[in-house]
N, C-alpha and C. Protein backbone atom coordinates (compact mmCIF):
# COMPACT_ATOMS: atom_id res chain seq x y z
N MET A 1 198.77 38.87 94.84
CA MET A 1 198.16 38.69 96.22
C MET A 1 198.25 37.29 96.67
N ALA A 2 198.50 36.34 95.81
CA ALA A 2 198.47 35.07 96.19
C ALA A 2 199.37 34.58 97.28
N LEU A 3 200.56 35.08 97.16
CA LEU A 3 201.67 34.76 98.23
C LEU A 3 201.34 35.30 99.57
N PRO A 4 201.01 36.61 99.69
CA PRO A 4 200.64 37.16 101.00
C PRO A 4 199.34 36.38 101.55
N LEU A 5 198.39 36.25 100.74
CA LEU A 5 197.14 35.63 101.10
C LEU A 5 197.52 34.10 101.68
N ALA A 6 198.34 33.40 100.99
CA ALA A 6 198.67 32.11 101.46
C ALA A 6 199.41 32.20 102.78
N ALA A 7 200.31 33.12 103.04
CA ALA A 7 200.96 33.34 104.22
C ALA A 7 200.00 33.63 105.39
N ILE A 8 199.01 34.56 105.09
CA ILE A 8 198.06 35.02 106.14
C ILE A 8 197.20 33.89 106.45
N VAL A 9 196.63 33.07 105.45
CA VAL A 9 195.85 31.97 105.84
C VAL A 9 196.64 30.77 106.60
N HIS A 10 197.84 30.59 106.20
CA HIS A 10 198.64 29.74 106.89
C HIS A 10 198.82 30.07 108.40
N ILE A 11 199.04 31.41 108.63
CA ILE A 11 199.23 31.90 109.99
C ILE A 11 197.98 31.68 110.79
N LEU A 12 196.89 32.00 110.05
CA LEU A 12 195.55 31.90 110.76
C LEU A 12 195.23 30.56 111.15
N PHE A 13 195.46 29.50 110.25
CA PHE A 13 195.24 28.11 110.60
C PHE A 13 196.10 27.71 111.82
N ALA A 14 197.36 28.18 111.82
CA ALA A 14 198.33 27.73 112.91
C ALA A 14 197.80 28.42 114.21
N LYS A 15 197.34 29.66 114.16
CA LYS A 15 196.72 30.30 115.29
C LYS A 15 195.52 29.54 115.89
N ASN A 16 194.74 29.00 114.98
CA ASN A 16 193.59 28.28 115.34
C ASN A 16 193.74 26.78 115.46
N GLY A 17 194.92 26.36 115.58
CA GLY A 17 195.17 24.95 115.86
C GLY A 17 194.86 24.01 114.78
N GLY A 18 194.92 24.54 113.49
CA GLY A 18 194.64 23.79 112.35
C GLY A 18 193.15 23.55 112.07
N GLU A 19 192.29 24.17 112.88
CA GLU A 19 190.92 24.03 112.67
C GLU A 19 190.40 24.98 111.58
N GLU A 20 189.22 24.75 111.06
CA GLU A 20 188.59 25.64 110.06
C GLU A 20 188.56 27.00 110.49
N ILE A 21 188.68 28.01 109.45
CA ILE A 21 188.63 29.42 109.88
C ILE A 21 187.53 30.08 108.92
N SER A 22 186.91 31.08 109.34
CA SER A 22 185.89 31.85 108.56
C SER A 22 186.15 33.29 108.93
N GLU A 23 186.44 34.08 107.83
CA GLU A 23 186.66 35.63 108.23
C GLU A 23 185.94 36.37 107.09
N THR A 24 185.49 37.54 107.43
CA THR A 24 184.92 38.47 106.50
C THR A 24 186.02 39.08 105.57
N LEU A 25 185.60 39.65 104.51
CA LEU A 25 186.53 40.27 103.66
C LEU A 25 187.11 41.50 104.27
N GLU A 26 186.34 42.16 105.06
CA GLU A 26 186.93 43.42 105.80
C GLU A 26 187.96 42.89 106.82
N LYS A 27 187.72 41.79 107.54
CA LYS A 27 188.80 41.33 108.45
C LYS A 27 190.02 40.92 107.76
N LEU A 28 189.91 40.30 106.60
CA LEU A 28 190.91 39.71 105.74
C LEU A 28 191.78 40.91 105.32
N TYR A 29 191.16 42.02 104.89
CA TYR A 29 191.84 43.21 104.55
C TYR A 29 192.67 43.71 105.72
N GLU A 30 192.06 43.67 106.92
CA GLU A 30 192.84 44.16 108.16
C GLU A 30 194.06 43.27 108.32
N TYR A 31 193.98 41.96 108.11
CA TYR A 31 195.12 41.07 108.15
C TYR A 31 196.12 41.42 107.17
N PHE A 32 195.77 41.78 105.89
CA PHE A 32 196.73 42.10 105.00
C PHE A 32 197.49 43.40 105.42
N GLN A 33 196.81 44.29 105.96
CA GLN A 33 197.46 45.56 106.47
C GLN A 33 198.44 45.28 107.60
N ASP A 34 198.00 44.30 108.50
CA ASP A 34 198.79 43.98 109.65
C ASP A 34 200.03 43.26 109.13
N TYR A 35 199.88 42.36 108.20
CA TYR A 35 200.98 41.56 107.68
C TYR A 35 202.00 42.44 106.96
N ARG A 36 201.44 43.40 106.19
CA ARG A 36 202.37 44.38 105.58
C ARG A 36 203.13 45.23 106.53
N LEU A 37 202.56 45.60 107.61
CA LEU A 37 203.27 46.29 108.63
C LEU A 37 204.31 45.45 109.27
N GLU A 38 203.99 44.23 109.54
CA GLU A 38 205.00 43.21 110.18
C GLU A 38 206.17 43.08 109.17
N LEU A 39 206.00 42.95 107.93
CA LEU A 39 207.06 42.84 106.98
C LEU A 39 207.84 44.17 106.87
N ALA A 40 207.25 45.35 106.96
CA ALA A 40 207.93 46.65 107.03
C ALA A 40 208.80 46.69 108.15
N LEU A 41 208.30 46.30 109.40
CA LEU A 41 209.08 46.36 110.53
C LEU A 41 210.30 45.45 110.42
N GLU A 42 210.19 44.29 109.90
CA GLU A 42 211.24 43.49 109.70
C GLU A 42 212.30 44.07 108.73
N GLU A 43 211.87 44.70 107.66
CA GLU A 43 212.77 45.23 106.72
C GLU A 43 213.59 46.46 107.33
N ILE A 44 212.90 47.20 108.12
CA ILE A 44 213.63 48.26 108.82
C ILE A 44 214.60 47.77 109.79
N SER A 45 214.22 46.70 110.47
CA SER A 45 215.24 46.03 111.36
C SER A 45 216.50 45.56 110.59
N ARG A 46 216.26 45.00 109.48
CA ARG A 46 217.42 44.42 108.63
C ARG A 46 218.17 45.47 108.06
N LYS A 47 217.62 46.68 107.69
CA LYS A 47 218.40 47.67 106.84
C LYS A 47 218.86 48.83 107.62
N THR A 48 218.40 48.97 108.86
CA THR A 48 218.91 50.10 109.67
C THR A 48 219.24 49.66 111.02
N ASP A 49 219.69 50.62 111.87
CA ASP A 49 220.08 50.28 113.25
C ASP A 49 218.83 50.32 114.24
N VAL A 50 217.70 50.37 113.66
CA VAL A 50 216.49 50.36 114.45
C VAL A 50 215.96 49.00 114.41
N ILE A 51 215.63 48.49 115.62
CA ILE A 51 215.14 47.22 115.78
C ILE A 51 213.76 47.10 116.47
N SER A 52 212.94 46.28 116.01
CA SER A 52 211.62 46.16 116.57
C SER A 52 211.42 44.66 117.17
N GLU A 53 210.58 44.62 118.12
CA GLU A 53 210.19 43.27 118.65
C GLU A 53 209.35 42.50 117.63
N PRO A 54 209.86 41.41 117.12
CA PRO A 54 209.06 40.61 116.11
C PRO A 54 207.79 40.12 116.69
N ALA A 55 206.80 39.86 115.76
CA ALA A 55 205.59 39.16 116.22
C ALA A 55 205.85 37.69 116.50
N THR A 56 205.04 37.17 117.23
CA THR A 56 204.96 35.69 117.46
C THR A 56 203.65 35.12 116.97
N LEU A 57 203.51 33.89 116.89
CA LEU A 57 202.22 33.35 116.51
C LEU A 57 201.09 33.80 117.39
N GLU A 58 201.37 33.99 118.65
CA GLU A 58 200.32 34.43 119.55
C GLU A 58 200.00 35.79 119.38
N SER A 59 201.06 36.74 119.00
CA SER A 59 200.84 38.12 118.97
C SER A 59 200.47 38.71 117.62
N ILE A 60 200.75 37.99 116.54
CA ILE A 60 200.50 38.55 115.23
C ILE A 60 199.04 38.66 115.01
N PHE A 61 198.64 39.79 114.33
CA PHE A 61 197.17 40.01 114.06
C PHE A 61 196.48 40.44 115.35
N THR A 62 197.15 40.91 116.33
CA THR A 62 196.54 41.44 117.53
C THR A 62 196.96 42.96 117.68
N ASN A 63 196.27 43.73 118.50
CA ASN A 63 196.54 44.98 118.78
C ASN A 63 197.54 45.12 119.89
N ARG A 64 198.78 44.75 119.49
CA ARG A 64 199.90 44.68 120.49
C ARG A 64 200.70 45.92 120.34
N GLU A 65 201.40 46.17 121.46
CA GLU A 65 202.43 47.30 121.51
C GLU A 65 203.76 46.68 120.95
N VAL A 66 204.42 47.44 120.03
CA VAL A 66 205.73 47.03 119.52
C VAL A 66 206.76 47.96 120.16
N LEU A 67 207.74 47.29 120.71
CA LEU A 67 208.91 48.08 121.17
C LEU A 67 209.91 48.18 120.04
N VAL A 68 210.20 49.43 119.80
CA VAL A 68 211.28 49.87 118.80
C VAL A 68 212.31 50.59 119.46
N GLU A 69 213.58 50.19 119.10
CA GLU A 69 214.73 50.85 119.70
C GLU A 69 215.89 50.88 118.80
N ARG A 70 216.83 51.59 119.16
CA ARG A 70 218.07 51.64 118.33
C ARG A 70 218.95 50.50 118.77
N SER A 71 219.54 49.79 117.79
CA SER A 71 220.32 48.55 118.15
C SER A 71 221.63 49.08 118.99
N LYS A 72 221.85 48.36 119.98
CA LYS A 72 223.09 48.71 120.92
C LYS A 72 224.32 48.24 120.22
N LEU A 73 224.29 47.34 119.24
CA LEU A 73 225.51 46.96 118.52
C LEU A 73 226.16 48.01 117.62
N LEU A 74 225.27 48.88 117.19
CA LEU A 74 225.72 49.92 116.23
C LEU A 74 225.86 51.36 116.92
N GLN A 75 225.68 51.45 118.22
CA GLN A 75 225.82 52.67 118.95
C GLN A 75 227.33 52.90 119.25
C-alpha cells in the first residue's frame, strides 16, 4: 500500500497547493478507490480500443463524468 498511498498523498498536496492536508481514514479509503478506478481506466485505454478521458489534477478525486468511447483509430 505504500506506493499508492504515496501517489495519493502527492496528488492531494498538489491539489492543495503544497499546503498541509488532513483527511479521515474513510476519505482516504475513498481516494484509494478513486485512484484504483483511474488506473483501471488507463489500463483499459492502453490494452483495448476503448478510450476514456483521463483525470487532471483538478478533476481527480471528484465526482466527475468520464467520457468513454471507442478509438477512431481502430475502427
